[in-house]
C-alpha atoms as a PDB file:
ATOM      1  CA  UNK A   1     205.385 151.591  11.978  1.00  0.00           C
ATOM      2  CA  UNK A   2     203.643 148.512  10.583  1.00  0.00           C
ATOM      3  CA  UNK A   3     204.009 146.047  13.431  1.00  0.00           C
ATOM      4  CA  UNK A   4     204.206 142.266  13.280  1.00  0.00           C
ATOM      5  CA  UNK A   5     203.024 140.101  16.132  1.00  0.00           C
ATOM      6  CA  UNK A   6     206.641 139.572  17.263  1.00  0.00           C
ATOM      7  CA  UNK A   7     207.426 143.279  17.108  1.00  0.00           C
ATOM      8  CA  UNK A   8     204.233 144.096  18.979  1.00  0.00           C
ATOM      9  CA  UNK A   9     205.203 141.694  21.742  1.00  0.00           C
ATOM     10  CA  UNK A  10     208.530 143.503  22.013  1.00  0.00           C
ATOM     11  CA  UNK A  11     206.773 146.868  22.262  1.00  0.00           C
ATOM     12  CA  UNK A  12     204.505 145.564  24.964  1.00  0.00           C
ATOM     13  CA  UNK A  13     207.500 144.200  26.853  1.00  0.00           C
ATOM     14  CA  UNK A  14     208.964 147.691  27.231  1.00  0.00           C
ATOM     15  CA  UNK A  15     205.673 149.325  28.158  1.00  0.00           C
ATOM     16  CA  UNK A  16     204.259 149.958  31.585  1.00  0.00           C
ATOM     17  CA  UNK A  17     201.546 147.448  30.858  1.00  0.00           C
ATOM     18  CA  UNK A  18     204.002 144.687  30.104  1.00  0.00           C
ATOM     19  CA  UNK A  19     205.837 145.351  33.329  1.00  0.00           C
ATOM     20  CA  UNK A  20     202.519 144.878  35.072  1.00  0.00           C
ATOM     21  CA  UNK A  21     201.658 141.668  33.267  1.00  0.00           C
ATOM     22  CA  UNK A  22     205.111 140.109  33.317  1.00  0.00           C
ATOM     23  CA  UNK A  23     205.204 140.283  37.080  1.00  0.00           C
ATOM     24  CA  UNK A  24     202.236 137.953  37.422  1.00  0.00           C
ATOM     25  CA  UNK A  25     203.986 134.650  36.604  1.00  0.00           C
ATOM     26  CA  UNK A  26     206.806 135.558  38.974  1.00  0.00           C
ATOM     27  CA  UNK A  27     204.597 135.665  42.051  1.00  0.00           C
ATOM     28  CA  UNK A  28     206.039 133.629  44.859  1.00  0.00           C
ATOM     29  CA  UNK A  29     202.696 132.072  45.790  1.00  0.00           C
ATOM     30  CA  UNK A  30     201.747 128.471  45.093  1.00  0.00           C
ATOM     31  CA  UNK A  31     198.014 128.843  45.599  1.00  0.00           C
ATOM     32  CA  UNK A  32     195.440 130.121  43.161  1.00  0.00           C
ATOM     33  CA  UNK A  33     192.846 132.783  43.912  1.00  0.00           C
ATOM     34  CA  UNK A  34     189.248 131.602  43.998  1.00  0.00           C
ATOM     35  CA  UNK A  35     186.636 133.827  42.361  1.00  0.00           C
ATOM     36  CA  UNK A  36     182.968 133.767  43.271  1.00  0.00           C
ATOM     37  CA  UNK A  37     180.942 134.923  40.253  1.00  0.00           C
ATOM     38  CA  UNK A  38     178.021 137.091  41.352  1.00  0.00           C
ATOM     39  CA  UNK A  39     175.479 137.228  38.536  1.00  0.00           C
ATOM     40  CA  UNK A  40     175.383 134.789  35.637  1.00  0.00           C
ATOM     41  CA  UNK A  41     174.780 137.035  32.636  1.00  0.00           C
ATOM     42  CA  UNK A  42     176.442 137.588  29.296  1.00  0.00           C
ATOM     43  CA  UNK A  43     179.572 139.338  30.527  1.00  0.00           C
ATOM     44  CA  UNK A  44     180.308 136.762  33.229  1.00  0.00           C
ATOM     45  CA  UNK A  45     179.444 133.574  31.334  1.00  0.00           C
ATOM     46  CA  UNK A  46     180.696 134.563  27.879  1.00  0.00           C
ATOM     47  CA  UNK A  47     183.762 136.613  28.807  1.00  0.00           C
ATOM     48  CA  UNK A  48     185.004 136.684  32.402  1.00  0.00           C
ATOM     49  CA  UNK A  49     184.557 133.014  33.307  1.00  0.00           C
ATOM     50  CA  UNK A  50     186.241 131.740  30.114  1.00  0.00           C
ATOM     51  CA  UNK A  51     189.110 134.135  30.881  1.00  0.00           C
ATOM     52  CA  UNK A  52     189.548 132.750  34.400  1.00  0.00           C
ATOM     53  CA  UNK A  53     189.556 129.239  32.932  1.00  0.00           C
ATOM     54  CA  UNK A  54     192.660 130.295  30.946  1.00  0.00           C
ATOM     55  CA  UNK A  55     194.472 131.470  34.081  1.00  0.00           C
ATOM     56  CA  UNK A  56     197.066 129.539  36.053  1.00  0.00           C
ATOM     57  CA  UNK A  57     196.621 131.896  39.000  1.00  0.00           C
ATOM     58  CA  UNK A  58     192.839 132.041  39.357  1.00  0.00           C
ATOM     59  CA  UNK A  59     189.842 129.740  39.161  1.00  0.00           C
ATOM     60  CA  UNK A  60     186.083 129.912  39.499  1.00  0.00           C
ATOM     61  CA  UNK A  61     185.217 128.372  42.863  1.00  0.00           C
ATOM     62  CA  UNK A  62     181.689 129.627  43.593  1.00  0.00           C
ATOM     63  CA  UNK A  63     178.586 131.041  41.897  1.00  0.00           C
ATOM     64  CA  UNK A  64     175.756 133.335  42.965  1.00  0.00           C
ATOM     65  CA  UNK A  65     172.585 133.254  40.890  1.00  0.00           C
ATOM     66  CA  UNK A  66     168.829 133.455  41.211  1.00  0.00           C
ATOM     67  CA  UNK A  67     168.491 130.652  38.631  1.00  0.00           C
ATOM     68  CA  UNK A  68     169.575 127.330  40.116  1.00  0.00           C
ATOM     69  CA  UNK A  69     169.343 125.425  36.832  1.00  0.00           C
ATOM     70  CA  UNK A  70     171.704 127.878  35.135  1.00  0.00           C
ATOM     71  CA  UNK A  71     174.043 127.811  38.133  1.00  0.00           C
ATOM     72  CA  UNK A  72     174.135 123.993  38.088  1.00  0.00           C
ATOM     73  CA  UNK A  73     174.992 124.038  34.397  1.00  0.00           C
ATOM     74  CA  UNK A  74     177.844 126.511  34.904  1.00  0.00           C
ATOM     75  CA  UNK A  75     179.049 124.649  37.992  1.00  0.00           C
ATOM     76  CA  UNK A  76     179.370 121.452  35.971  1.00  0.00           C
ATOM     77  CA  UNK A  77     181.327 123.263  33.261  1.00  0.00           C
ATOM     78  CA  UNK A  78     183.761 124.913  35.709  1.00  0.00           C
ATOM     79  CA  UNK A  79     184.070 122.194  38.319  1.00  0.00           C
ATOM     80  CA  UNK A  80     182.352 124.213  41.052  1.00  0.00           C
ATOM     81  CA  UNK A  81     181.165 122.147  44.004  1.00  0.00           C
ATOM     82  CA  UNK A  82     177.416 122.112  44.600  1.00  0.00           C
ATOM     83  CA  UNK A  83     177.967 123.439  48.129  1.00  0.00           C
ATOM     84  CA  UNK A  84     179.511 126.575  46.576  1.00  0.00           C
ATOM     85  CA  UNK A  85     176.371 127.616  44.711  1.00  0.00           C
ATOM     86  CA  UNK A  86     174.533 130.497  46.407  1.00  0.00           C
ATOM     87  CA  UNK A  87     171.496 132.645  45.724  1.00  0.00           C
ATOM     88  CA  UNK A  88     170.999 136.308  46.579  1.00  0.00           C
ATOM     89  CA  UNK A  89     169.326 135.538  49.904  1.00  0.00           C
ATOM     90  CA  UNK A  90     172.105 133.339  51.333  1.00  0.00           C
ATOM     91  CA  UNK A  91     174.937 135.294  49.686  1.00  0.00           C
ATOM     92  CA  UNK A  92     176.304 136.434  53.058  1.00  0.00           C
ATOM     93  CA  UNK A  93     177.197 132.819  53.872  1.00  0.00           C
ATOM     94  CA  UNK A  94     180.255 133.166  51.639  1.00  0.00           C
ATOM     95  CA  UNK A  95     181.943 134.452  54.813  1.00  0.00           C
ATOM     96  CA  UNK A  96     182.376 130.810  55.860  1.00  0.00           C
ATOM     97  CA  UNK A  97     183.757 129.626  52.533  1.00  0.00           C
ATOM     98  CA  UNK A  98     187.554 129.467  52.365  1.00  0.00           C
ATOM     99  CA  UNK A  99     187.375 128.496  48.674  1.00  0.00           C
ATOM    100  CA  UNK A 100     186.431 132.120  47.934  1.00  0.00           C
ATOM    101  CA  UNK A 101     189.080 134.860  47.978  1.00  0.00           C
ATOM    102  CA  UNK A 102     187.336 137.421  45.782  1.00  0.00           C
ATOM    103  CA  UNK A 103     183.986 138.099  44.175  1.00  0.00           C
ATOM    104  CA  UNK A 104     183.410 139.267  40.616  1.00  0.00           C
ATOM    105  CA  UNK A 105     180.244 141.383  40.520  1.00  0.00           C
ATOM    106  CA  UNK A 106     178.451 141.372  37.169  1.00  0.00           C
ATOM    107  CA  UNK A 107     174.994 142.514  38.234  1.00  0.00           C
ATOM    108  CA  UNK A 108     172.847 145.441  37.041  1.00  0.00           C
ATOM    109  CA  UNK A 109     174.472 148.733  38.062  1.00  0.00           C
ATOM    110  CA  UNK A 110     172.118 149.483  40.947  1.00  0.00           C
ATOM    111  CA  UNK A 111     173.126 146.238  42.677  1.00  0.00           C
ATOM    112  CA  UNK A 112     176.879 146.869  42.619  1.00  0.00           C
ATOM    113  CA  UNK A 113     177.001 148.766  45.895  1.00  0.00           C
ATOM    114  CA  UNK A 114     174.928 146.320  47.927  1.00  0.00           C
ATOM    115  CA  UNK A 115     176.807 143.219  46.834  1.00  0.00           C
ATOM    116  CA  UNK A 116     180.204 144.888  47.131  1.00  0.00           C
ATOM    117  CA  UNK A 117     179.465 145.985  50.683  1.00  0.00           C
ATOM    118  CA  UNK A 118     178.117 142.552  51.626  1.00  0.00           C
ATOM    119  CA  UNK A 119     181.210 140.903  50.138  1.00  0.00           C
ATOM    120  CA  UNK A 120     183.518 143.195  52.112  1.00  0.00           C
ATOM    121  CA  UNK A 121     181.620 142.384  55.314  1.00  0.00           C
ATOM    122  CA  UNK A 122     182.134 138.707  54.474  1.00  0.00           C
ATOM    123  CA  UNK A 123     185.881 139.348  54.227  1.00  0.00           C
ATOM    124  CA  UNK A 124     186.160 138.968  50.446  1.00  0.00           C
ATOM    125  CA  UNK A 125     188.026 141.129  47.931  1.00  0.00           C
ATOM    126  CA  UNK A 126     185.895 142.690  45.174  1.00  0.00           C
ATOM    127  CA  UNK A 127     186.329 143.055  41.426  1.00  0.00           C
ATOM    128  CA  UNK A 128     183.268 145.034  40.304  1.00  0.00           C
ATOM    129  CA  UNK A 129     182.120 145.751  36.774  1.00  0.00           C
ATOM    130  CA  UNK A 130     181.826 149.340  35.653  1.00  0.00           C
ATOM    131  CA  UNK A 131     180.100 151.672  36.197  1.00  0.00           C
ATOM    132  CA  UNK A 132     181.052 151.328  39.831  1.00  0.00           C
ATOM    133  CA  UNK A 133     177.568 152.234  41.078  1.00  0.00           C
ATOM    134  CA  UNK A 134     174.606 154.454  40.194  1.00  0.00           C
ATOM    135  CA  UNK A 135     175.340 157.279  42.645  1.00  0.00           C
ATOM    136  CA  UNK A 136     178.407 158.991  44.027  1.00  0.00           C
ATOM    137  CA  UNK A 137     177.374 158.208  47.584  1.00  0.00           C
ATOM    138  CA  UNK A 138     177.026 154.503  46.804  1.00  0.00           C
ATOM    139  CA  UNK A 139     180.522 154.545  45.295  1.00  0.00           C
ATOM    140  CA  UNK A 140     181.907 156.167  48.434  1.00  0.00           C
ATOM    141  CA  UNK A 141     180.112 153.608  50.598  1.00  0.00           C
ATOM    142  CA  UNK A 142     181.733 150.792  48.608  1.00  0.00           C
ATOM    143  CA  UNK A 143     185.163 152.286  49.202  1.00  0.00           C
ATOM    144  CA  UNK A 144     184.514 152.740  52.913  1.00  0.00           C
ATOM    145  CA  UNK A 145     183.283 149.163  53.295  1.00  0.00           C
ATOM    146  CA  UNK A 146     186.311 147.652  51.576  1.00  0.00           C
ATOM    147  CA  UNK A 147     188.760 149.894  53.392  1.00  0.00           C
ATOM    148  CA  UNK A 148     187.109 149.084  56.714  1.00  0.00           C
ATOM    149  CA  UNK A 149     187.362 145.360  56.012  1.00  0.00           C
ATOM    150  CA  UNK A 150     190.923 145.748  54.628  1.00  0.00           C
ATOM    151  CA  UNK A 151     189.838 144.161  51.371  1.00  0.00           C
ATOM    152  CA  UNK A 152     190.833 145.168  47.828  1.00  0.00           C
ATOM    153  CA  UNK A 153     188.302 146.943  45.628  1.00  0.00           C
ATOM    154  CA  UNK A 154     189.001 146.985  41.903  1.00  0.00           C
ATOM    155  CA  UNK A 155     186.771 148.309  39.114  1.00  0.00           C
ATOM    156  CA  UNK A 156     186.848 146.333  35.871  1.00  0.00           C
ATOM    157  CA  UNK A 157     188.272 148.931  33.482  1.00  0.00           C
ATOM    158  CA  UNK A 158     189.722 146.284  31.189  1.00  0.00           C
ATOM    159  CA  UNK A 159     190.982 148.819  28.600  1.00  0.00           C
ATOM    160  CA  UNK A 160     193.501 150.139  31.112  1.00  0.00           C
ATOM    161  CA  UNK A 161     195.247 146.745  30.967  1.00  0.00           C
ATOM    162  CA  UNK A 162     195.074 146.291  27.181  1.00  0.00           C
ATOM    163  CA  UNK A 163     198.482 146.637  25.382  1.00  0.00           C
ATOM    164  CA  UNK A 164     197.349 148.920  22.539  1.00  0.00           C
ATOM    165  CA  UNK A 165     195.742 151.343  25.012  1.00  0.00           C
ATOM    166  CA  UNK A 166     198.894 151.224  27.129  1.00  0.00           C
ATOM    167  CA  UNK A 167     200.983 151.875  24.027  1.00  0.00           C
ATOM    168  CA  UNK A 168     198.827 154.892  23.141  1.00  0.00           C
ATOM    169  CA  UNK A 169     199.364 156.321  26.616  1.00  0.00           C
ATOM    170  CA  UNK A 170     203.104 155.653  26.409  1.00  0.00           C
ATOM    171  CA  UNK A 171     203.447 157.407  23.046  1.00  0.00           C
ATOM    172  CA  UNK A 172     201.605 160.459  24.396  1.00  0.00           C
ATOM    173  CA  UNK A 173     203.798 160.590  27.510  1.00  0.00           C
ATOM    174  CA  UNK A 174     206.920 160.307  25.352  1.00  0.00           C
ATOM    175  CA  UNK A 175     205.816 163.325  23.332  1.00  0.00           C
ATOM    176  CA  UNK A 176     205.442 161.392  20.080  1.00  0.00           C
ATOM    177  CA  UNK A 177     202.378 163.491  19.213  1.00  0.00           C
ATOM    178  CA  UNK A 178     203.836 166.752  20.478  1.00  0.00           C
ATOM    179  CA  UNK A 179     201.552 168.717  22.788  1.00  0.00           C
ATOM    180  CA  UNK A 180     198.054 167.243  22.877  1.00  0.00           C
ATOM    181  CA  UNK A 181     195.385 169.627  21.615  1.00  0.00           C
ATOM    182  CA  UNK A 182     192.156 167.633  21.539  1.00  0.00           C
ATOM    183  CA  UNK A 183     190.527 164.250  21.990  1.00  0.00           C
ATOM    184  CA  UNK A 184     187.400 162.999  20.262  1.00  0.00           C
ATOM    185  CA  UNK A 185     185.636 159.809  21.308  1.00  0.00           C
ATOM    186  CA  UNK A 186     182.299 158.105  20.715  1.00  0.00           C
ATOM    187  CA  UNK A 187     180.550 154.810  21.393  1.00  0.00           C
ATOM    188  CA  UNK A 188     176.977 153.607  20.923  1.00  0.00           C
ATOM    189  CA  UNK A 189     174.518 151.054  19.610  1.00  0.00           C
ATOM    190  CA  UNK A 190     170.745 150.847  18.957  1.00  0.00           C
ATOM    191  CA  UNK A 191     169.318 149.364  22.140  1.00  0.00           C
ATOM    192  CA  UNK A 192     166.456 146.881  22.033  1.00  0.00           C
ATOM    193  CA  UNK A 193     163.190 147.605  23.862  1.00  0.00           C
ATOM    194  CA  UNK A 194     162.747 146.292  27.415  1.00  0.00           C
ATOM    195  CA  UNK A 195     166.479 146.077  28.193  1.00  0.00           C
ATOM    196  CA  UNK A 196     167.198 146.587  31.908  1.00  0.00           C
ATOM    197  CA  UNK A 197     169.579 149.392  30.880  1.00  0.00           C
ATOM    198  CA  UNK A 198     166.506 151.471  29.954  1.00  0.00           C
ATOM    199  CA  UNK A 199     165.290 151.304  33.566  1.00  0.00           C
ATOM    200  CA  UNK A 200     166.847 154.242  35.396  1.00  0.00           C
ATOM    201  CA  UNK A 201     166.517 152.575  38.800  1.00  0.00           C
ATOM    202  CA  UNK A 202     168.615 149.632  37.619  1.00  0.00           C
ATOM    203  CA  UNK A 203     171.032 151.434  35.311  1.00  0.00           C
ATOM    204  CA  UNK A 204     171.395 154.838  36.973  1.00  0.00           C
ATOM    205  CA  UNK A 205     171.198 156.560  33.587  1.00  0.00           C
ATOM    206  CA  UNK A 206     171.352 155.887  29.864  1.00  0.00           C
ATOM    207  CA  UNK A 207     174.258 155.332  27.467  1.00  0.00           C
ATOM    208  CA  UNK A 208     176.608 157.539  29.504  1.00  0.00           C
ATOM    209  CA  UNK A 209     176.580 154.933  32.308  1.00  0.00           C
ATOM    210  CA  UNK A 210     177.011 152.048  29.867  1.00  0.00           C
ATOM    211  CA  UNK A 211     179.140 152.921  26.829  1.00  0.00           C
ATOM    212  CA  UNK A 212     179.900 156.596  27.417  1.00  0.00           C
ATOM    213  CA  UNK A 213     181.985 155.735  30.464  1.00  0.00           C
ATOM    214  CA  UNK A 214     184.566 154.196  28.107  1.00  0.00           C
ATOM    215  CA  UNK A 215     185.024 157.546  26.359  1.00  0.00           C
ATOM    216  CA  UNK A 216     185.132 159.415  29.650  1.00  0.00           C
ATOM    217  CA  UNK A 217     187.661 157.102  31.257  1.00  0.00           C
ATOM    218  CA  UNK A 218     189.823 157.055  28.110  1.00  0.00           C
ATOM    219  CA  UNK A 219     190.034 160.847  28.005  1.00  0.00           C
ATOM    220  CA  UNK A 220     191.325 160.785  31.586  1.00  0.00           C
ATOM    221  CA  UNK A 221     193.996 158.119  31.148  1.00  0.00           C
ATOM    222  CA  UNK A 222     195.123 159.471  27.782  1.00  0.00           C
ATOM    223  CA  UNK A 223     195.736 162.946  29.205  1.00  0.00           C
ATOM    224  CA  UNK A 224     196.801 161.776  32.648  1.00  0.00           C
ATOM    225  CA  UNK A 225     194.817 164.711  34.053  1.00  0.00           C
ATOM    226  CA  UNK A 226     191.550 165.253  35.870  1.00  0.00           C
ATOM    227  CA  UNK A 227     188.970 167.500  34.179  1.00  0.00           C
ATOM    228  CA  UNK A 228     188.641 171.073  35.365  1.00  0.00           C
ATOM    229  CA  UNK A 229     185.249 171.666  33.704  1.00  0.00           C
ATOM    230  CA  UNK A 230     182.500 169.656  32.008  1.00  0.00           C
ATOM    231  CA  UNK A 231     179.516 170.592  29.822  1.00  0.00           C
ATOM    232  CA  UNK A 232     176.802 168.162  28.765  1.00  0.00           C
ATOM    233  CA  UNK A 233     173.929 167.984  26.268  1.00  0.00           C
ATOM    234  CA  UNK A 234     171.381 165.179  26.027  1.00  0.00           C
ATOM    235  CA  UNK A 235     168.486 164.438  23.704  1.00  0.00           C
ATOM    236  CA  UNK A 236     165.810 161.944  22.729  1.00  0.00           C
ATOM    237  CA  UNK A 237     165.188 161.683  18.997  1.00  0.00           C
ATOM    238  CA  UNK A 238     163.251 158.409  18.682  1.00  0.00           C
ATOM    239  CA  UNK A 239     159.868 158.813  20.379  1.00  0.00           C
ATOM    240  CA  UNK A 240     159.164 155.078  20.435  1.00  0.00           C
ATOM    241  CA  UNK A 241     158.837 154.628  24.187  1.00  0.00           C
ATOM    242  CA  UNK A 242     162.307 153.240  24.869  1.00  0.00           C
ATOM    243  CA  UNK A 243     163.606 156.469  26.382  1.00  0.00           C
ATOM    244  CA  UNK A 244     160.926 157.364  28.895  1.00  0.00           C
ATOM    245  CA  UNK A 245     163.419 157.180  31.765  1.00  0.00           C
ATOM    246  CA  UNK A 246     166.902 157.673  30.277  1.00  0.00           C
ATOM    247  CA  UNK A 247     168.536 159.744  27.571  1.00  0.00           C
ATOM    248  CA  UNK A 248     168.962 158.383  24.047  1.00  0.00           C
ATOM    249  CA  UNK A 249     172.060 160.384  23.097  1.00  0.00           C
ATOM    250  CA  UNK A 250     174.436 162.419  25.218  1.00  0.00           C
ATOM    251  CA  UNK A 251     177.417 164.561  24.235  1.00  0.00           C
ATOM    252  CA  UNK A 252     179.835 166.337  26.531  1.00  0.00           C
ATOM    253  CA  UNK A 253     182.912 168.502  26.451  1.00  0.00           C
ATOM    254  CA  UNK A 254     185.691 168.281  29.008  1.00  0.00           C
ATOM    255  CA  UNK A 255     188.361 170.884  29.643  1.00  0.00           C
ATOM    256  CA  UNK A 256     191.599 169.628  31.190  1.00  0.00           C
ATOM    257  CA  UNK A 257     193.996 171.818  33.226  1.00  0.00           C
ATOM    258  CA  UNK A 258     196.696 171.600  30.554  1.00  0.00           C
ATOM    259  CA  UNK A 259     194.335 172.983  27.913  1.00  0.00           C
ATOM    260  CA  UNK A 260     193.262 169.762  26.205  1.00  0.00           C
ATOM    261  CA  UNK A 261     189.628 169.689  25.073  1.00  0.00           C
ATOM    262  CA  UNK A 262     187.792 166.370  24.858  1.00  0.00           C
ATOM    263  CA  UNK A 263     184.527 166.036  22.923  1.00  0.00           C
ATOM    264  CA  UNK A 264     182.624 162.787  23.475  1.00  0.00           C
ATOM    265  CA  UNK A 265     179.305 161.308  22.377  1.00  0.00           C
ATOM    266  CA  UNK A 266     177.425 158.177  23.376  1.00  0.00           C
ATOM    267  CA  UNK A 267     174.089 156.865  22.172  1.00  0.00           C
ATOM    268  CA  UNK A 268     171.489 154.119  22.368  1.00  0.00           C
ATOM    269  CA  UNK A 269     169.961 155.308  19.099  1.00  0.00           C
ATOM    270  CA  UNK A 270     172.384 154.206  16.399  1.00  0.00           C
ATOM    271  CA  UNK A 271     175.402 152.063  15.650  1.00  0.00           C
ATOM    272  CA  UNK A 272     178.454 154.064  16.689  1.00  0.00           C
ATOM    273  CA  UNK A 273     181.653 151.962  16.770  1.00  0.00           C
ATOM    274  CA  UNK A 274     183.759 152.947  19.756  1.00  0.00           C
ATOM    275  CA  UNK A 275     186.819 155.013  18.939  1.00  0.00           C
ATOM    276  CA  UNK A 276     189.092 157.756  20.173  1.00  0.00           C
ATOM    277  CA  UNK A 277     191.209 160.218  18.201  1.00  0.00           C
ATOM    278  CA  UNK A 278     194.034 162.201  19.780  1.00  0.00           C
ATOM    279  CA  UNK A 279     195.325 165.264  17.930  1.00  0.00           C
ATOM    280  CA  UNK A 280     198.698 166.686  18.865  1.00  0.00           C
ATOM    281  CA  UNK A 281     200.924 169.461  17.573  1.00  0.00           C
ATOM    282  CA  UNK A 282     203.205 166.923  15.846  1.00  0.00           C
ATOM    283  CA  UNK A 283     200.974 163.963  15.107  1.00  0.00           C
ATOM    284  CA  UNK A 284     197.629 162.217  15.392  1.00  0.00           C
ATOM    285  CA  UNK A 285     196.517 158.789  16.570  1.00  0.00           C
ATOM    286  CA  UNK A 286     193.207 157.014  16.304  1.00  0.00           C
ATOM    287  CA  UNK A 287     192.068 153.779  17.875  1.00  0.00           C
ATOM    288  CA  UNK A 288     189.107 152.220  16.089  1.00  0.00           C
ATOM    289  CA  UNK A 289     187.694 149.968  17.264  1.00  0.00           C
ATOM    290  CA  UNK A 290     188.874 151.062  20.681  1.00  0.00           C
ATOM    291  CA  UNK A 291     186.589 149.495  23.260  1.00  0.00           C
ATOM    292  CA  UNK A 292     185.825 146.066  21.770  1.00  0.00           C
ATOM    293  CA  UNK A 293     186.706 142.887  23.627  1.00  0.00           C
ATOM    294  CA  UNK A 294     189.159 142.045  20.831  1.00  0.00           C
ATOM    295  CA  UNK A 295     190.562 143.264  17.496  1.00  0.00           C
ATOM    296  CA  UNK A 296     191.363 146.814  18.641  1.00  0.00           C
ATOM    297  CA  UNK A 297     193.393 148.846  16.135  1.00  0.00           C
ATOM    298  CA  UNK A 298     195.696 151.770  16.863  1.00  0.00           C
ATOM    299  CA  UNK A 299     196.934 153.812  13.905  1.00  0.00           C
ATOM    300  CA  UNK A 300     198.133 157.295  13.063  1.00  0.00           C
ATOM    301  CA  UNK A 301     201.148 159.419  12.244  1.00  0.00           C
ATOM    302  CA  UNK A 302     203.704 160.361  14.855  1.00  0.00           C
ATOM    303  CA  UNK A 303     206.217 163.192  15.031  1.00  0.00           C
ATOM    304  CA  UNK A 304     208.571 163.196  12.060  1.00  0.00           C
ATOM    305  CA  UNK A 305     206.069 161.389   9.853  1.00  0.00           C
ATOM    306  CA  UNK A 306     206.514 157.962  11.462  1.00  0.00           C
ATOM    307  CA  UNK A 307     203.514 155.734  10.769  1.00  0.00           C
ATOM    308  CA  UNK A 308     201.706 153.962  13.611  1.00  0.00           C
ATOM    309  CA  UNK A 309     199.812 150.723  13.020  1.00  0.00           C
ATOM    310  CA  UNK A 310     199.202 148.291  15.902  1.00  0.00           C
ATOM    311  CA  UNK A 311     196.669 145.475  15.788  1.00  0.00           C
ATOM    312  CA  UNK A 312     196.983 142.994  18.654  1.00  0.00           C
ATOM    313  CA  UNK A 313     195.858 139.587  17.444  1.00  0.00           C
ATOM    314  CA  UNK A 314     194.248 138.256  20.608  1.00  0.00           C
ATOM    315  CA  UNK A 315     191.087 136.247  21.358  1.00  0.00           C
ATOM    316  CA  UNK A 316     188.206 137.832  23.245  1.00  0.00           C
ATOM    317  CA  UNK A 317     188.864 136.522  26.806  1.00  0.00           C
ATOM    318  CA  UNK A 318     192.401 137.920  27.050  1.00  0.00           C
ATOM    319  CA  UNK A 319     191.333 141.422  28.115  1.00  0.00           C
ATOM    320  CA  UNK A 320     189.306 139.890  30.943  1.00  0.00           C
ATOM    321  CA  UNK A 321     192.212 137.598  31.821  1.00  0.00           C
ATOM    322  CA  UNK A 322     194.472 140.604  32.328  1.00  0.00           C
ATOM    323  CA  UNK A 323     192.131 142.307  34.761  1.00  0.00           C
ATOM    324  CA  UNK A 324     191.404 139.042  36.591  1.00  0.00           C
ATOM    325  CA  UNK A 325     195.127 138.387  37.032  1.00  0.00           C
ATOM    326  CA  UNK A 326     195.862 141.959  38.036  1.00  0.00           C
ATOM    327  CA  UNK A 327     193.430 141.431  40.919  1.00  0.00           C
ATOM    328  CA  UNK A 328     195.286 138.210  41.755  1.00  0.00           C
ATOM    329  CA  UNK A 329     198.575 140.100  41.856  1.00  0.00           C
ATOM    330  CA  UNK A 330     197.111 142.778  44.112  1.00  0.00           C
ATOM    331  CA  UNK A 331     195.722 140.206  46.544  1.00  0.00           C
ATOM    332  CA  UNK A 332     198.872 138.086  46.724  1.00  0.00           C
ATOM    333  CA  UNK A 333     201.271 141.015  46.903  1.00  0.00           C
ATOM    334  CA  UNK A 334     199.003 143.310  48.958  1.00  0.00           C
ATOM    335  CA  UNK A 335     199.045 146.048  46.305  1.00  0.00           C
ATOM    336  CA  UNK A 336     196.460 148.691  45.472  1.00  0.00           C
ATOM    337  CA  UNK A 337     194.712 147.902  42.170  1.00  0.00           C
ATOM    338  CA  UNK A 338     195.558 150.199  39.293  1.00  0.00           C
ATOM    339  CA  UNK A 339     191.822 150.753  38.720  1.00  0.00           C
ATOM    340  CA  UNK A 340     190.823 151.027  42.349  1.00  0.00           C
ATOM    341  CA  UNK A 341     187.577 152.230  43.842  1.00  0.00           C
ATOM    342  CA  UNK A 342     188.952 155.763  43.701  1.00  0.00           C
ATOM    343  CA  UNK A 343     189.223 155.479  39.909  1.00  0.00           C
ATOM    344  CA  UNK A 344     185.609 154.366  39.686  1.00  0.00           C
ATOM    345  CA  UNK A 345     184.499 157.117  42.062  1.00  0.00           C
ATOM    346  CA  UNK A 346     186.100 159.811  39.903  1.00  0.00           C
ATOM    347  CA  UNK A 347     184.101 158.693  36.873  1.00  0.00           C
ATOM    348  CA  UNK A 348     180.945 158.589  38.983  1.00  0.00           C
ATOM    349  CA  UNK A 349     181.557 162.168  40.130  1.00  0.00           C
ATOM    350  CA  UNK A 350     182.144 163.369  36.573  1.00  0.00           C
ATOM    351  CA  UNK A 351     179.083 161.583  35.185  1.00  0.00           C
ATOM    352  CA  UNK A 352     176.979 163.162  37.930  1.00  0.00           C
ATOM    353  CA  UNK A 353     178.317 166.577  36.879  1.00  0.00           C
ATOM    354  CA  UNK A 354     177.501 165.875  33.233  1.00  0.00           C
ATOM    355  CA  UNK A 355     173.943 164.829  34.100  1.00  0.00           C
ATOM    356  CA  UNK A 356     173.445 167.912  36.267  1.00  0.00           C
ATOM    357  CA  UNK A 357     174.574 170.149  33.420  1.00  0.00           C
ATOM    358  CA  UNK A 358     172.172 168.428  31.038  1.00  0.00           C
ATOM    359  CA  UNK A 359     169.330 168.902  33.496  1.00  0.00           C
ATOM    360  CA  UNK A 360     170.027 172.619  33.780  1.00  0.00           C
ATOM    361  CA  UNK A 361     169.633 173.007  30.044  1.00  0.00           C
ATOM    362  CA  UNK A 362     166.342 171.085  29.953  1.00  0.00           C
ATOM    363  CA  UNK A 363     164.829 172.888  32.955  1.00  0.00           C
END
């Protein structure tokens, strides 16, 4: 199944993901949705904001940053009025700003809950980067705040909107691999010293909270089930001071109700390109790279010996464009986001279980 760009577009058009995306241009609303970007870091400036610039349904209308010079520079690039630049102290004043429909939160993990709750109190919808929070209780508080304010809460699981991931799910549901037996997944990179992700108070944990969550979330949407049991193992190999507060490497095994076993590993100690492999009774598929911002590749052999080879040829911002426009659709059509706060909460609960199991073994 060597797929050309035209053939891939046709496959996407018949998938659940294409149905989702194709509905966006058909919205019966003339206005665009204004995003307030909360936190001007790499993911917002290099990925999400360029994606919104591509959209006909969304635009960047406000910025929140502790660095006024940086905010002024970004405001000039995106046509944001000076009056729509905020800092973290006057953030709550967004309640008065009708240019803002939703906030995109791209702050360190420990700040997600506070700025989500404050946005909900200001009457704004929230698209929050993953992981949703650093604790289960914070995640629940975010959900309560948005529900109480009748605002949408979406977690930025961009892979759940990406066509090759959607195609993988579709093939599994159609039985093209037979009965699924196991899933393997891994993701990691060697982290530099002094990164905020090495501070447990800011990050909530180590690589599990950062890159491991991709493997965890993928195992859930690939199976379509919720885990019935988890086991975790963590370690620190490099005694160079980076891992005084968080784990260096963590592996876990998940058992699903239908019998599928998922084995996952994440690390801050070595280069580990993100991938997943699904083994079924009649076929196997692998996506590698799986969690990149672009150039994902799905391959394998399906039932009956049919070859699978899908490589979407898309620039980096498109994955972020899909999630940004899904939020637009949910706001304009009053729909629950596919990756709602409940989806983020489930991962938070599972990661907490994995950490607890690791702690038992080290006690």
